[in-house]
């Protein structure tokens, strides 16, 4: 009573074909976060509330609406939510896709497209203080640490990435990890006023500053105020560093005030990576990592300015 081999083969063929056909018909319902979650829940999951997300949708619509075919037919709102979820949690694309109800390849495309769109707006949302903004910056820094005439604080932070395929050795930083070394300048309210996002992790902070447009501009047009930096930076007419050894009470007082005011940039680095956990480690090639970092910088300023405009006494409390 043996079943002929050709019958078994035919049965398996029909079975596997039906499985493939059924699999193709599987429909994963996409989530609707703006309908499902409260404002607080949206902040936890996406770092923005409903009104803020709608603002981002309108802001990026001209840059994203023509990419629907590339992004698997996703609406601009869907693209923004997928990217925000990735920035907020920094996990694998597949995990974000499962959460949002889309395939892994769609998440990859969306993160790339949204990051490029946001990065293109960096000059619109990141600007060094001018005119009346300078006076406000000085007041804020003086209240922060009794440091007069201060308009900014500067430091670098490393965004860790996977080992790149080209020039891998250039990206190894002093701690032996691959990274992008990101230069940031901020004000006392933790708003980023200047950024340089392009250098491998092996490059020293002082060189990044020396070869930046900010350095050339401030060397030529000395600002009405000073920037505070740590001992990794050179002492310049517009860049104040602490005394390496405080030999007098006056020098000790200066170092204390300098430290209290300069802590703004250290707080910023912490807030930025808590707000956008993806910046703790990016599984991406250097150029894509730079675009994602720029996108997070733009989003950080949008979020921080929004909270300040609402007179929030603690604009980072949700993060």
C-alpha atoms as a PDB file:
ATOM      1  CA  UNK A   1       0.000   0.000   0.000  1.00  0.00           C
ATOM      2  CA  UNK A   2       2.895   2.310  -0.667  1.00  0.00           C
ATOM      3  CA  UNK A   3       1.892   5.743  -2.034  1.00  0.00           C
ATOM      4  CA  UNK A   4       3.660   6.408  -5.359  1.00  0.00           C
ATOM      5  CA  UNK A   5       6.515   8.911  -5.108  1.00  0.00           C
ATOM      6  CA  UNK A   6       5.039  11.105  -7.826  1.00  0.00           C
ATOM      7  CA  UNK A   7       1.825  11.483  -5.808  1.00  0.00           C
ATOM      8  CA  UNK A   8       3.769  12.526  -2.694  1.00  0.00           C
ATOM      9  CA  UNK A   9       5.814  14.985  -4.757  1.00  0.00           C
ATOM     10  CA  UNK A  10       2.681  16.474  -6.316  1.00  0.00           C
ATOM     11  CA  UNK A  11       1.025  16.784  -2.903  1.00  0.00           C
ATOM     12  CA  UNK A  12       4.052  18.557  -1.416  1.00  0.00           C
ATOM     13  CA  UNK A  13       4.176  20.917  -4.400  1.00  0.00           C
ATOM     14  CA  UNK A  14       0.512  21.885  -3.952  1.00  0.00           C
ATOM     15  CA  UNK A  15       0.971  22.225  -0.173  1.00  0.00           C
ATOM     16  CA  UNK A  16       4.030  24.468  -0.443  1.00  0.00           C
ATOM     17  CA  UNK A  17       2.394  26.574  -3.153  1.00  0.00           C
ATOM     18  CA  UNK A  18      -0.678  27.088  -0.974  1.00  0.00           C
ATOM     19  CA  UNK A  19       1.568  28.032   1.963  1.00  0.00           C
ATOM     20  CA  UNK A  20       3.392  30.623  -0.115  1.00  0.00           C
ATOM     21  CA  UNK A  21       0.119  31.946  -1.471  1.00  0.00           C
ATOM     22  CA  UNK A  22      -1.389  32.166   2.003  1.00  0.00           C
ATOM     23  CA  UNK A  23       1.734  33.837   3.329  1.00  0.00           C
ATOM     24  CA  UNK A  24       1.475  36.464   0.634  1.00  0.00           C
ATOM     25  CA  UNK A  25      -2.035  37.269   1.763  1.00  0.00           C
ATOM     26  CA  UNK A  26      -1.067  37.846   5.389  1.00  0.00           C
ATOM     27  CA  UNK A  27      -1.947  41.417   6.314  1.00  0.00           C
ATOM     28  CA  UNK A  28      -0.364  43.034   9.330  1.00  0.00           C
ATOM     29  CA  UNK A  29      -2.489  45.910  10.506  1.00  0.00           C
ATOM     30  CA  UNK A  30      -0.492  49.082  11.006  1.00  0.00           C
ATOM     31  CA  UNK A  31      -0.738  50.779  14.332  1.00  0.00           C
ATOM     32  CA  UNK A  32      -2.400  54.185  14.676  1.00  0.00           C
ATOM     33  CA  UNK A  33      -0.417  55.796  17.509  1.00  0.00           C
ATOM     34  CA  UNK A  34      -2.102  59.198  17.286  1.00  0.00           C
ATOM     35  CA  UNK A  35      -5.451  57.515  17.943  1.00  0.00           C
ATOM     36  CA  UNK A  36      -4.240  54.884  20.405  1.00  0.00           C
ATOM     37  CA  UNK A  37      -2.097  56.865  22.835  1.00  0.00           C
ATOM     38  CA  UNK A  38      -2.463  59.841  25.141  1.00  0.00           C
ATOM     39  CA  UNK A  39      -0.057  62.764  24.880  1.00  0.00           C
ATOM     40  CA  UNK A  40       2.099  61.413  27.701  1.00  0.00           C
ATOM     41  CA  UNK A  41       2.201  57.970  26.084  1.00  0.00           C
ATOM     42  CA  UNK A  42       3.234  59.513  22.781  1.00  0.00           C
ATOM     43  CA  UNK A  43       6.092  61.352  24.514  1.00  0.00           C
ATOM     44  CA  UNK A  44       7.335  58.106  26.026  1.00  0.00           C
ATOM     45  CA  UNK A  45       7.241  56.233  22.715  1.00  0.00           C
ATOM     46  CA  UNK A  46       8.064  58.947  20.161  1.00  0.00           C
ATOM     47  CA  UNK A  47       9.471  61.887  22.199  1.00  0.00           C
ATOM     48  CA  UNK A  48       6.776  64.176  20.754  1.00  0.00           C
ATOM     49  CA  UNK A  49       3.089  64.803  21.422  1.00  0.00           C
ATOM     50  CA  UNK A  50       0.271  64.801  18.882  1.00  0.00           C
ATOM     51  CA  UNK A  51       0.500  68.502  18.009  1.00  0.00           C
ATOM     52  CA  UNK A  52       4.298  68.257  17.650  1.00  0.00           C
ATOM     53  CA  UNK A  53       4.027  65.220  15.369  1.00  0.00           C
ATOM     54  CA  UNK A  54       1.478  67.026  13.204  1.00  0.00           C
ATOM     55  CA  UNK A  55       3.899  69.961  13.009  1.00  0.00           C
ATOM     56  CA  UNK A  56       6.676  67.617  11.840  1.00  0.00           C
ATOM     57  CA  UNK A  57       4.359  66.046   9.260  1.00  0.00           C
ATOM     58  CA  UNK A  58       3.556  69.454   7.777  1.00  0.00           C
ATOM     59  CA  UNK A  59       7.200  70.532   7.972  1.00  0.00           C
ATOM     60  CA  UNK A  60       8.494  67.495   6.090  1.00  0.00           C
ATOM     61  CA  UNK A  61       5.574  66.850   3.757  1.00  0.00           C
ATOM     62  CA  UNK A  62       7.186  68.636   0.757  1.00  0.00           C
ATOM     63  CA  UNK A  63      10.299  66.496   1.152  1.00  0.00           C
ATOM     64  CA  UNK A  64       8.613  63.138   1.816  1.00  0.00           C
ATOM     65  CA  UNK A  65       5.311  63.000  -0.044  1.00  0.00           C
ATOM     66  CA  UNK A  66       6.961  62.154  -3.381  1.00  0.00           C
ATOM     67  CA  UNK A  67       8.768  59.180  -1.814  1.00  0.00           C
ATOM     68  CA  UNK A  68       5.685  57.054  -1.173  1.00  0.00           C
ATOM     69  CA  UNK A  69       6.660  54.425  -3.737  1.00  0.00           C
ATOM     70  CA  UNK A  70      10.144  54.040  -2.273  1.00  0.00           C
ATOM     71  CA  UNK A  71       8.724  53.897   1.244  1.00  0.00           C
ATOM     72  CA  UNK A  72       6.286  51.073   0.460  1.00  0.00           C
ATOM     73  CA  UNK A  73       3.271  53.348   0.058  1.00  0.00           C
ATOM     74  CA  UNK A  74       3.505  54.808   3.556  1.00  0.00           C
ATOM     75  CA  UNK A  75       1.898  58.161   4.275  1.00  0.00           C
ATOM     76  CA  UNK A  76       4.048  61.068   5.456  1.00  0.00           C
ATOM     77  CA  UNK A  77       2.565  60.629   8.932  1.00  0.00           C
ATOM     78  CA  UNK A  78       3.499  56.938   8.964  1.00  0.00           C
ATOM     79  CA  UNK A  79       7.039  57.751   7.844  1.00  0.00           C
ATOM     80  CA  UNK A  80       7.473  60.356  10.588  1.00  0.00           C
ATOM     81  CA  UNK A  81       6.175  57.990  13.283  1.00  0.00           C
ATOM     82  CA  UNK A  82       8.402  55.112  12.149  1.00  0.00           C
ATOM     83  CA  UNK A  83      11.488  57.351  12.137  1.00  0.00           C
ATOM     84  CA  UNK A  84      10.637  58.887  15.523  1.00  0.00           C
ATOM     85  CA  UNK A  85      10.182  55.426  17.005  1.00  0.00           C
ATOM     86  CA  UNK A  86      13.617  54.412  15.720  1.00  0.00           C
ATOM     87  CA  UNK A  87      15.286  57.596  17.007  1.00  0.00           C
ATOM     88  CA  UNK A  88      13.637  57.170  20.400  1.00  0.00           C
ATOM     89  CA  UNK A  89      14.509  53.531  21.042  1.00  0.00           C
ATOM     90  CA  UNK A  90      17.455  52.870  18.716  1.00  0.00           C
ATOM     91  CA  UNK A  91      16.685  49.191  18.305  1.00  0.00           C
ATOM     92  CA  UNK A  92      16.841  46.895  15.272  1.00  0.00           C
ATOM     93  CA  UNK A  93      14.819  47.858  12.199  1.00  0.00           C
ATOM     94  CA  UNK A  94      12.891  44.599  12.448  1.00  0.00           C
ATOM     95  CA  UNK A  95      11.792  45.348  16.013  1.00  0.00           C
ATOM     96  CA  UNK A  96      10.588  48.828  14.984  1.00  0.00           C
ATOM     97  CA  UNK A  97       8.819  47.280  12.003  1.00  0.00           C
ATOM     98  CA  UNK A  98       7.031  44.724  14.175  1.00  0.00           C
ATOM     99  CA  UNK A  99       5.904  47.481  16.537  1.00  0.00           C
ATOM    100  CA  UNK A 100       4.669  49.751  13.717  1.00  0.00           C
ATOM    101  CA  UNK A 101       3.241  46.991  11.519  1.00  0.00           C
ATOM    102  CA  UNK A 102       5.617  47.338   8.562  1.00  0.00           C
ATOM    103  CA  UNK A 103       8.393  45.231   7.076  1.00  0.00           C
ATOM    104  CA  UNK A 104      12.056  45.693   7.969  1.00  0.00           C
ATOM    105  CA  UNK A 105      13.016  47.049   4.526  1.00  0.00           C
ATOM    106  CA  UNK A 106      10.374  49.776   4.837  1.00  0.00           C
ATOM    107  CA  UNK A 107      11.804  50.890   8.180  1.00  0.00           C
ATOM    108  CA  UNK A 108      15.302  51.032   6.675  1.00  0.00           C
ATOM    109  CA  UNK A 109      14.119  53.182   3.759  1.00  0.00           C
ATOM    110  CA  UNK A 110      12.018  55.449   5.969  1.00  0.00           C
ATOM    111  CA  UNK A 111      14.781  56.123   8.491  1.00  0.00           C
ATOM    112  CA  UNK A 112      17.131  57.010   5.642  1.00  0.00           C
ATOM    113  CA  UNK A 113      14.639  59.309   3.886  1.00  0.00           C
ATOM    114  CA  UNK A 114      13.377  61.086   7.009  1.00  0.00           C
ATOM    115  CA  UNK A 115      16.920  61.562   8.315  1.00  0.00           C
ATOM    116  CA  UNK A 116      18.047  63.151   5.045  1.00  0.00           C
ATOM    117  CA  UNK A 117      14.975  65.404   5.058  1.00  0.00           C
ATOM    118  CA  UNK A 118      15.582  66.566   8.637  1.00  0.00           C
ATOM    119  CA  UNK A 119      19.344  66.951   8.115  1.00  0.00           C
ATOM    120  CA  UNK A 120      18.659  69.316   5.200  1.00  0.00           C
ATOM    121  CA  UNK A 121      16.942  71.675   7.679  1.00  0.00           C
ATOM    122  CA  UNK A 122      19.887  71.952  10.080  1.00  0.00           C
ATOM    123  CA  UNK A 123      20.744  75.542   9.082  1.00  0.00           C
ATOM    124  CA  UNK A 124      17.136  76.543   9.676  1.00  0.00           C
ATOM    125  CA  UNK A 125      16.966  75.152  13.207  1.00  0.00           C
ATOM    126  CA  UNK A 126      20.592  75.434  14.395  1.00  0.00           C
ATOM    127  CA  UNK A 127      22.010  78.965  14.445  1.00  0.00           C
ATOM    128  CA  UNK A 128      24.581  80.838  16.493  1.00  0.00           C
ATOM    129  CA  UNK A 129      23.142  83.669  18.662  1.00  0.00           C
ATOM    130  CA  UNK A 130      23.018  87.114  17.080  1.00  0.00           C
ATOM    131  CA  UNK A 131      21.938  90.606  18.100  1.00  0.00           C
ATOM    132  CA  UNK A 132      19.329  90.459  20.895  1.00  0.00           C
ATOM    133  CA  UNK A 133      19.904  86.713  21.307  1.00  0.00           C
ATOM    134  CA  UNK A 134      23.444  87.426  22.538  1.00  0.00           C
ATOM    135  CA  UNK A 135      22.245  89.486  25.488  1.00  0.00           C
ATOM    136  CA  UNK A 136      19.772  86.758  26.467  1.00  0.00           C
ATOM    137  CA  UNK A 137      22.482  84.086  26.202  1.00  0.00           C
ATOM    138  CA  UNK A 138      24.774  86.082  28.490  1.00  0.00           C
ATOM    139  CA  UNK A 139      22.047  86.528  31.108  1.00  0.00           C
ATOM    140  CA  UNK A 140      21.232  82.817  31.086  1.00  0.00           C
ATOM    141  CA  UNK A 141      24.850  81.720  31.493  1.00  0.00           C
ATOM    142  CA  UNK A 142      25.433  84.257  34.267  1.00  0.00           C
ATOM    143  CA  UNK A 143      22.417  82.891  36.155  1.00  0.00           C
ATOM    144  CA  UNK A 144      23.716  79.375  35.595  1.00  0.00           C
ATOM    145  CA  UNK A 145      27.232  79.849  36.942  1.00  0.00           C
ATOM    146  CA  UNK A 146      28.080  83.520  37.568  1.00  0.00           C
ATOM    147  CA  UNK A 147      30.178  83.447  34.398  1.00  0.00           C
ATOM    148  CA  UNK A 148      29.982  86.833  32.659  1.00  0.00           C
ATOM    149  CA  UNK A 149      30.019  87.555  28.915  1.00  0.00           C
ATOM    150  CA  UNK A 150      29.342  83.915  27.961  1.00  0.00           C
ATOM    151  CA  UNK A 151      27.333  83.095  24.844  1.00  0.00           C
ATOM    152  CA  UNK A 152      27.964  79.363  24.452  1.00  0.00           C
ATOM    153  CA  UNK A 153      29.666  76.186  25.608  1.00  0.00           C
ATOM    154  CA  UNK A 154      31.482  73.756  23.328  1.00  0.00           C
ATOM    155  CA  UNK A 155      32.399  70.076  23.525  1.00  0.00           C
ATOM    156  CA  UNK A 156      32.478  66.913  21.442  1.00  0.00           C
ATOM    157  CA  UNK A 157      30.536  63.711  21.969  1.00  0.00           C
ATOM    158  CA  UNK A 158      31.051  60.336  20.319  1.00  0.00           C
ATOM    159  CA  UNK A 159      28.223  58.579  18.489  1.00  0.00           C
ATOM    160  CA  UNK A 160      29.218  54.920  18.365  1.00  0.00           C
ATOM    161  CA  UNK A 161      28.708  53.075  15.087  1.00  0.00           C
ATOM    162  CA  UNK A 162      29.360  49.633  13.677  1.00  0.00           C
ATOM    163  CA  UNK A 163      32.774  49.089  12.099  1.00  0.00           C
ATOM    164  CA  UNK A 164      32.623  50.652   8.609  1.00  0.00           C
ATOM    165  CA  UNK A 165      33.719  48.762   5.522  1.00  0.00           C
ATOM    166  CA  UNK A 166      36.115  51.501   4.347  1.00  0.00           C
ATOM    167  CA  UNK A 167      38.883  53.210   6.347  1.00  0.00           C
ATOM    168  CA  UNK A 168      37.778  51.317   9.427  1.00  0.00           C
ATOM    169  CA  UNK A 169      40.824  52.351  11.453  1.00  0.00           C
ATOM    170  CA  UNK A 170      40.012  56.077  11.167  1.00  0.00           C
ATOM    171  CA  UNK A 171      36.850  55.612  13.202  1.00  0.00           C
ATOM    172  CA  UNK A 172      38.475  53.984  16.234  1.00  0.00           C
ATOM    173  CA  UNK A 173      38.387  56.488  19.103  1.00  0.00           C
ATOM    174  CA  UNK A 174      40.589  56.680  22.198  1.00  0.00           C
ATOM    175  CA  UNK A 175      38.405  54.079  23.940  1.00  0.00           C
ATOM    176  CA  UNK A 176      38.881  51.578  21.135  1.00  0.00           C
ATOM    177  CA  UNK A 177      35.342  51.871  19.743  1.00  0.00           C
ATOM    178  CA  UNK A 178      34.194  52.974  16.296  1.00  0.00           C
ATOM    179  CA  UNK A 179      32.458  56.338  16.347  1.00  0.00           C
ATOM    180  CA  UNK A 180      31.667  59.678  14.773  1.00  0.00           C
ATOM    181  CA  UNK A 181      33.111  62.581  16.816  1.00  0.00           C
ATOM    182  CA  UNK A 182      30.387  65.225  16.931  1.00  0.00           C
ATOM    183  CA  UNK A 183      31.133  68.848  17.871  1.00  0.00           C
ATOM    184  CA  UNK A 184      28.301  70.725  19.575  1.00  0.00           C
ATOM    185  CA  UNK A 185      27.861  74.264  20.889  1.00  0.00           C
ATOM    186  CA  UNK A 186      24.861  75.044  23.078  1.00  0.00           C
ATOM    187  CA  UNK A 187      23.357  77.848  25.118  1.00  0.00           C
ATOM    188  CA  UNK A 188      22.329  77.711  28.780  1.00  0.00           C
ATOM    189  CA  UNK A 189      18.875  76.390  27.820  1.00  0.00           C
ATOM    190  CA  UNK A 190      20.467  73.368  26.072  1.00  0.00           C
ATOM    191  CA  UNK A 191      19.554  74.603  22.605  1.00  0.00           C
ATOM    192  CA  UNK A 192      22.201  73.578  20.067  1.00  0.00           C
ATOM    193  CA  UNK A 193      23.596  76.669  18.346  1.00  0.00           C
ATOM    194  CA  UNK A 194      26.280  75.040  16.200  1.00  0.00           C
ATOM    195  CA  UNK A 195      27.232  71.522  15.181  1.00  0.00           C
ATOM    196  CA  UNK A 196      29.826  69.690  13.114  1.00  0.00           C
ATOM    197  CA  UNK A 197      28.845  66.129  12.235  1.00  0.00           C
ATOM    198  CA  UNK A 198      31.314  64.498   9.849  1.00  0.00           C
ATOM    199  CA  UNK A 199      34.579  63.553  11.563  1.00  0.00           C
ATOM    200  CA  UNK A 200      35.738  60.004  12.412  1.00  0.00           C
ATOM    201  CA  UNK A 201      36.194  59.089  16.062  1.00  0.00           C
ATOM    202  CA  UNK A 202      39.998  59.216  15.911  1.00  0.00           C
ATOM    203  CA  UNK A 203      40.043  62.970  15.189  1.00  0.00           C
ATOM    204  CA  UNK A 204      40.851  65.219  18.178  1.00  0.00           C
ATOM    205  CA  UNK A 205      38.324  67.783  19.420  1.00  0.00           C
ATOM    206  CA  UNK A 206      40.722  70.697  18.844  1.00  0.00           C
ATOM    207  CA  UNK A 207      41.237  69.762  15.192  1.00  0.00           C
ATOM    208  CA  UNK A 208      37.501  69.537  14.564  1.00  0.00           C
ATOM    209  CA  UNK A 209      37.130  73.073  15.909  1.00  0.00           C
ATOM    210  CA  UNK A 210      40.149  74.405  14.021  1.00  0.00           C
ATOM    211  CA  UNK A 211      38.841  73.156  10.688  1.00  0.00           C
ATOM    212  CA  UNK A 212      35.232  74.209  11.238  1.00  0.00           C
ATOM    213  CA  UNK A 213      33.327  77.087   9.651  1.00  0.00           C
ATOM    214  CA  UNK A 214      32.581  78.353  13.178  1.00  0.00           C
ATOM    215  CA  UNK A 215      36.308  78.761  13.890  1.00  0.00           C
ATOM    216  CA  UNK A 216      36.922  80.654  10.642  1.00  0.00           C
ATOM    217  CA  UNK A 217      33.953  82.907  11.252  1.00  0.00           C
ATOM    218  CA  UNK A 218      34.800  83.755  14.879  1.00  0.00           C
ATOM    219  CA  UNK A 219      38.470  84.292  14.083  1.00  0.00           C
ATOM    220  CA  UNK A 220      37.492  86.808  11.403  1.00  0.00           C
ATOM    221  CA  UNK A 221      34.498  88.376  13.140  1.00  0.00           C
ATOM    222  CA  UNK A 222      35.133  88.239  16.859  1.00  0.00           C
ATOM    223  CA  UNK A 223      31.817  87.780  18.685  1.00  0.00           C
ATOM    224  CA  UNK A 224      30.473  89.986  21.451  1.00  0.00           C
ATOM    225  CA  UNK A 225      31.153  87.363  24.085  1.00  0.00           C
ATOM    226  CA  UNK A 226      33.049  84.139  24.706  1.00  0.00           C
ATOM    227  CA  UNK A 227      32.518  80.406  24.353  1.00  0.00           C
ATOM    228  CA  UNK A 228      33.541  78.061  27.174  1.00  0.00           C
ATOM    229  CA  UNK A 229      35.548  74.929  26.434  1.00  0.00           C
ATOM    230  CA  UNK A 230      37.476  72.363  28.433  1.00  0.00           C
ATOM    231  CA  UNK A 231      41.248  71.928  28.490  1.00  0.00           C
ATOM    232  CA  UNK A 232      41.203  69.993  25.199  1.00  0.00           C
ATOM    233  CA  UNK A 233      40.709  73.325  23.411  1.00  0.00           C
ATOM    234  CA  UNK A 234      43.177  76.177  22.862  1.00  0.00           C
ATOM    235  CA  UNK A 235      42.810  79.469  24.712  1.00  0.00           C
ATOM    236  CA  UNK A 236      41.595  82.089  22.212  1.00  0.00           C
ATOM    237  CA  UNK A 237      40.194  85.636  22.486  1.00  0.00           C
ATOM    238  CA  UNK A 238      36.699  84.182  22.046  1.00  0.00           C
ATOM    239  CA  UNK A 239      37.278  80.743  23.633  1.00  0.00           C
ATOM    240  CA  UNK A 240      37.879  80.534  27.376  1.00  0.00           C
ATOM    241  CA  UNK A 241      39.372  77.420  28.952  1.00  0.00           C
ATOM    242  CA  UNK A 242      39.978  76.741  32.672  1.00  0.00           C
ATOM    243  CA  UNK A 243      43.300  77.151  34.461  1.00  0.00           C
ATOM    244  CA  UNK A 244      45.059  73.794  34.461  1.00  0.00           C
ATOM    245  CA  UNK A 245      46.233  74.562  37.990  1.00  0.00           C
ATOM    246  CA  UNK A 246      44.480  77.194  40.102  1.00  0.00           C
ATOM    247  CA  UNK A 247      47.317  78.918  42.013  1.00  0.00           C
ATOM    248  CA  UNK A 248      45.303  81.780  43.498  1.00  0.00           C
ATOM    249  CA  UNK A 249      41.836  82.168  45.029  1.00  0.00           C
ATOM    250  CA  UNK A 250      40.822  84.261  42.018  1.00  0.00           C
ATOM    251  CA  UNK A 251      41.836  81.486  39.620  1.00  0.00           C
ATOM    252  CA  UNK A 252      39.959  78.943  41.733  1.00  0.00           C
ATOM    253  CA  UNK A 253      36.813  81.121  41.623  1.00  0.00           C
ATOM    254  CA  UNK A 254      37.188  81.454  37.849  1.00  0.00           C
ATOM    255  CA  UNK A 255      37.476  77.687  37.438  1.00  0.00           C
ATOM    256  CA  UNK A 256      34.405  77.125  39.596  1.00  0.00           C
ATOM    257  CA  UNK A 257      32.310  79.605  37.616  1.00  0.00           C
ATOM    258  CA  UNK A 258      33.677  78.219  34.346  1.00  0.00           C
ATOM    259  CA  UNK A 259      32.764  74.660  35.370  1.00  0.00           C
ATOM    260  CA  UNK A 260      29.228  75.578  36.460  1.00  0.00           C
ATOM    261  CA  UNK A 261      28.502  77.401  33.213  1.00  0.00           C
ATOM    262  CA  UNK A 262      30.207  74.869  30.955  1.00  0.00           C
ATOM    263  CA  UNK A 263      28.200  72.019  32.491  1.00  0.00           C
ATOM    264  CA  UNK A 264      25.422  73.048  30.065  1.00  0.00           C
ATOM    265  CA  UNK A 265      27.185  71.267  27.210  1.00  0.00           C
ATOM    266  CA  UNK A 266      27.740  68.149  29.299  1.00  0.00           C
ATOM    267  CA  UNK A 267      24.072  68.111  30.266  1.00  0.00           C
ATOM    268  CA  UNK A 268      23.139  68.575  26.621  1.00  0.00           C
ATOM    269  CA  UNK A 269      25.146  65.528  25.566  1.00  0.00           C
ATOM    270  CA  UNK A 270      23.355  63.446  28.177  1.00  0.00           C
ATOM    271  CA  UNK A 271      19.895  64.786  27.332  1.00  0.00           C
ATOM    272  CA  UNK A 272      20.428  64.285  23.592  1.00  0.00           C
ATOM    273  CA  UNK A 273      21.310  60.603  24.001  1.00  0.00           C
ATOM    274  CA  UNK A 274      18.523  59.957  26.486  1.00  0.00           C
ATOM    275  CA  UNK A 275      15.978  61.638  24.258  1.00  0.00           C
ATOM    276  CA  UNK A 276      17.203  59.775  21.169  1.00  0.00           C
ATOM    277  CA  UNK A 277      18.604  56.451  22.350  1.00  0.00           C
ATOM    278  CA  UNK A 278      19.657  55.508  18.803  1.00  0.00           C
ATOM    279  CA  UNK A 279      22.684  57.820  19.285  1.00  0.00           C
ATOM    280  CA  UNK A 280      24.146  55.428  21.844  1.00  0.00           C
ATOM    281  CA  UNK A 281      24.924  52.980  19.040  1.00  0.00           C
ATOM    282  CA  UNK A 282      24.065  53.095  15.336  1.00  0.00           C
ATOM    283  CA  UNK A 283      24.242  50.015  13.146  1.00  0.00           C
ATOM    284  CA  UNK A 284      24.940  52.170  10.117  1.00  0.00           C
ATOM    285  CA  UNK A 285      27.651  53.263   7.745  1.00  0.00           C
ATOM    286  CA  UNK A 286      29.269  56.648   8.589  1.00  0.00           C
ATOM    287  CA  UNK A 287      27.270  58.817   6.145  1.00  0.00           C
ATOM    288  CA  UNK A 288      23.939  57.397   7.241  1.00  0.00           C
ATOM    289  CA  UNK A 289      25.013  57.723  10.883  1.00  0.00           C
ATOM    290  CA  UNK A 290      25.831  61.402  10.296  1.00  0.00           C
ATOM    291  CA  UNK A 291      22.409  62.032   8.730  1.00  0.00           C
ATOM    292  CA  UNK A 292      20.649  60.319  11.636  1.00  0.00           C
ATOM    293  CA  UNK A 293      22.689  62.389  14.118  1.00  0.00           C
ATOM    294  CA  UNK A 294      21.838  65.634  12.303  1.00  0.00           C
ATOM    295  CA  UNK A 295      18.182  64.625  12.264  1.00  0.00           C
ATOM    296  CA  UNK A 296      18.247  64.109  16.035  1.00  0.00           C
ATOM    297  CA  UNK A 297      19.942  67.493  16.516  1.00  0.00           C
ATOM    298  CA  UNK A 298      17.183  69.223  14.536  1.00  0.00           C
ATOM    299  CA  UNK A 299      14.488  67.332  16.459  1.00  0.00           C
ATOM    300  CA  UNK A 300      16.162  68.154  19.783  1.00  0.00           C
ATOM    301  CA  UNK A 301      16.048  71.882  19.036  1.00  0.00           C
ATOM    302  CA  UNK A 302      12.428  71.703  17.863  1.00  0.00           C
ATOM    303  CA  UNK A 303      11.427  69.882  21.059  1.00  0.00           C
ATOM    304  CA  UNK A 304      13.465  72.085  23.409  1.00  0.00           C
ATOM    305  CA  UNK A 305      12.256  75.359  21.882  1.00  0.00           C
ATOM    306  CA  UNK A 306       8.686  74.092  22.071  1.00  0.00           C
ATOM    307  CA  UNK A 307       8.988  73.389  25.793  1.00  0.00           C
ATOM    308  CA  UNK A 308      10.688  76.738  26.423  1.00  0.00           C
ATOM    309  CA  UNK A 309       7.937  78.532  24.511  1.00  0.00           C
ATOM    310  CA  UNK A 310       5.468  76.884  26.874  1.00  0.00           C
ATOM    311  CA  UNK A 311       7.514  78.199  29.812  1.00  0.00           C
ATOM    312  CA  UNK A 312       8.183  74.656  30.976  1.00  0.00           C
ATOM    313  CA  UNK A 313      10.453  75.019  34.047  1.00  0.00           C
ATOM    314  CA  UNK A 314      12.174  71.711  33.257  1.00  0.00           C
ATOM    315  CA  UNK A 315      12.218  71.114  29.502  1.00  0.00           C
ATOM    316  CA  UNK A 316      14.019  67.771  29.782  1.00  0.00           C
ATOM    317  CA  UNK A 317      11.869  66.178  32.484  1.00  0.00           C
ATOM    318  CA  UNK A 318      10.164  63.735  30.104  1.00  0.00           C
ATOM    319  CA  UNK A 319      13.437  62.310  28.900  1.00  0.00           C
END
